[in-house]
Amino acid sequence: QVQLVESGGGLVQAGGSLTLSCAASGTPFSINAMGWYRQAPGKQRELVATITPNGSTNYADSMKDRFTISRDNAKNTGFLQMTSLKPEDTAVYYCNADITFYYNAARSRRSGNFWGQGTQVTVSS
């Protein structure tokens, strides 16, 4: 009923920048907290950053001061701005969100956690 789609990944050289987008769509919904995660080859999926509806943010230490998470509530879209990229940032980046949605004519309410399909970020040396 609700989908998250990431975009903006690609290949960049070390020191470069990328901005990822996460667009939500589907049945009537509202996004609560959302965040970005990443999974590098051979590693567990790890938290990158989170953001609450009012804009409070948290970052993993390794990404602090280089990455910025933001959201446009009117467009149901989240963003991750990445600068000073390093080869070790190479990973599939996933959008995640806690969402309240309405799934029938009676507007029955349900909350759930959703993941996007991921977008590849590759940083070359």
Protein backbone atom coordinates (compact mmCIF):
# COMPACT_ATOMS: atom_id res chain seq x y z
CA GLN A 1 0.00 0.00 0.00
CA VAL A 2 2.98 2.29 0.54
CA GLN A 3 6.24 2.21 -1.38
CA LEU A 4 9.60 3.88 -0.90
CA VAL A 5 11.83 4.43 -3.93
CA GLU A 6 15.42 5.62 -3.66
CA SER A 7 17.28 7.42 -6.41
CA GLY A 8 20.48 9.38 -6.92
CA GLY A 9 23.12 6.72 -6.45
CA GLY A 10 26.02 6.32 -8.80
CA LEU A 11 29.78 6.27 -9.23
CA VAL A 12 31.90 9.11 -7.87
CA GLN A 13 35.56 9.67 -7.12
CA ALA A 14 36.83 9.97 -3.58
CA GLY A 15 36.12 13.43 -2.22
CA GLY A 16 33.05 13.86 -4.38
CA SER A 17 29.42 14.36 -3.45
CA LEU A 18 26.05 12.75 -4.08
CA THR A 19 22.51 13.45 -2.96
CA LEU A 20 20.09 10.56 -2.54
CA SER A 21 16.32 10.90 -2.61
CA CYS A 22 13.60 8.73 -1.10
CA ALA A 23 10.09 9.23 -2.42
CA ALA A 24 7.06 7.69 -0.71
CA SER A 25 3.83 6.95 -2.54
CA GLY A 26 0.69 4.86 -2.25
CA THR A 27 -2.55 4.94 -0.28
CA PRO A 28 -3.17 7.84 2.08
CA PHE A 29 -0.35 7.95 4.59
CA SER A 30 1.83 10.05 6.82
CA ILE A 31 5.51 9.51 7.44
CA ASN A 32 6.68 9.42 11.00
CA ALA A 33 10.38 8.92 11.64
CA MET A 34 12.56 8.03 8.66
CA GLY A 35 16.16 7.20 8.08
CA TRP A 36 18.91 5.96 5.83
CA TYR A 37 20.85 2.73 6.19
CA ARG A 38 23.62 1.20 4.15
CA GLN A 39 25.09 -2.22 3.55
CA ALA A 40 28.60 -2.67 2.21
CA PRO A 41 29.84 -5.94 0.70
CA GLY A 42 30.54 -8.45 3.44
CA LYS A 43 29.12 -6.26 6.18
CA GLN A 44 25.91 -5.96 8.15
CA ARG A 45 23.41 -3.26 7.33
CA GLU A 46 24.17 -0.20 9.44
CA LEU A 47 22.42 2.99 10.40
CA VAL A 48 23.49 6.16 8.59
CA ALA A 49 21.08 8.78 9.91
CA THR A 50 17.54 9.30 11.14
CA ILE A 51 15.16 12.24 11.18
CA THR A 52 11.92 12.84 13.06
CA PRO A 53 8.86 14.66 11.68
CA ASN A 54 9.96 17.87 13.42
CA GLY A 55 13.47 17.69 11.99
CA SER A 56 15.50 16.27 14.86
CA THR A 57 18.41 14.26 13.46
CA ASN A 58 20.86 11.62 14.55
CA TYR A 59 23.94 10.38 12.71
CA ALA A 60 26.31 7.50 12.98
CA ASP A 61 29.70 8.76 14.12
CA SER A 62 31.46 7.77 10.91
CA MET A 63 29.07 9.88 8.83
CA LYS A 64 28.75 12.88 11.12
CA ASP A 65 29.85 16.18 9.54
CA ARG A 66 29.93 14.63 6.07
CA PHE A 67 26.34 13.50 5.55
CA THR A 68 23.15 15.50 6.05
CA ILE A 69 19.67 14.02 6.29
CA SER A 70 16.62 16.14 5.50
CA ARG A 71 12.99 15.82 4.48
CA ASP A 72 10.31 17.65 2.55
CA ASN A 73 7.09 16.71 4.29
CA ALA A 74 4.90 18.36 1.65
CA LYS A 75 6.44 16.14 -1.03
CA ASN A 76 6.73 13.00 1.12
CA THR A 77 10.39 12.83 0.24
CA GLY A 78 13.56 12.35 2.23
CA PHE A 79 17.11 13.20 1.24
CA LEU A 80 20.64 12.27 2.15
CA GLN A 81 23.35 14.71 1.11
CA MET A 82 26.78 13.11 1.10
CA THR A 83 30.06 14.99 0.81
CA SER A 84 33.74 14.10 1.09
CA LEU A 85 32.93 10.58 0.03
CA LYS A 86 35.44 7.84 0.74
CA PRO A 87 35.90 4.42 -0.85
CA GLU A 88 34.65 2.88 2.40
CA ASP A 89 31.32 4.64 1.83
CA THR A 90 30.68 2.26 -1.06
CA ALA A 91 27.45 0.42 -0.27
CA VAL A 92 23.83 -0.03 -1.15
CA TYR A 93 21.92 2.74 0.58
CA TYR A 94 18.39 2.05 1.79
CA CYS A 95 15.60 4.36 2.82
CA ASN A 96 13.51 3.33 5.81
CA ALA A 97 10.40 4.91 7.30
CA ASP A 98 7.77 4.38 9.95
CA ILE A 99 4.47 5.13 8.24
CA THR A 100 0.86 5.41 9.32
CA PHE A 101 -1.52 4.56 6.49
CA TYR A 102 -5.22 4.00 5.77
CA TYR A 103 -6.13 0.82 3.96
CA ASN A 104 -9.90 0.67 3.42
CA ALA A 105 -13.01 2.80 2.89
CA ALA A 106 -13.52 3.08 6.63
CA ARG A 107 -10.03 4.60 6.85
CA SER A 108 -8.80 1.87 9.11
CA ARG A 109 -5.47 2.97 10.47
CA ARG A 110 -2.31 0.92 10.56
CA SER A 111 1.34 1.64 11.21
CA GLY A 112 4.26 -0.16 9.67
CA ASN A 113 7.92 0.00 8.84
CA PHE A 114 8.90 0.17 5.17
CA TRP A 115 12.12 -0.24 3.20
CA GLY A 116 13.07 0.95 -0.24
CA GLN A 117 14.81 -1.30 -2.74
CA GLY A 118 18.16 0.43 -2.29
CA THR A 119 20.42 2.48 -4.52
CA GLN A 120 24.08 1.71 -5.20
CA VAL A 121 26.75 4.22 -4.25
CA THR A 122 30.26 3.44 -5.45
CA VAL A 123 33.23 5.62 -4.51
CA SER A 124 36.41 5.05 -6.47
CA SER A 125 39.91 5.83 -5.26
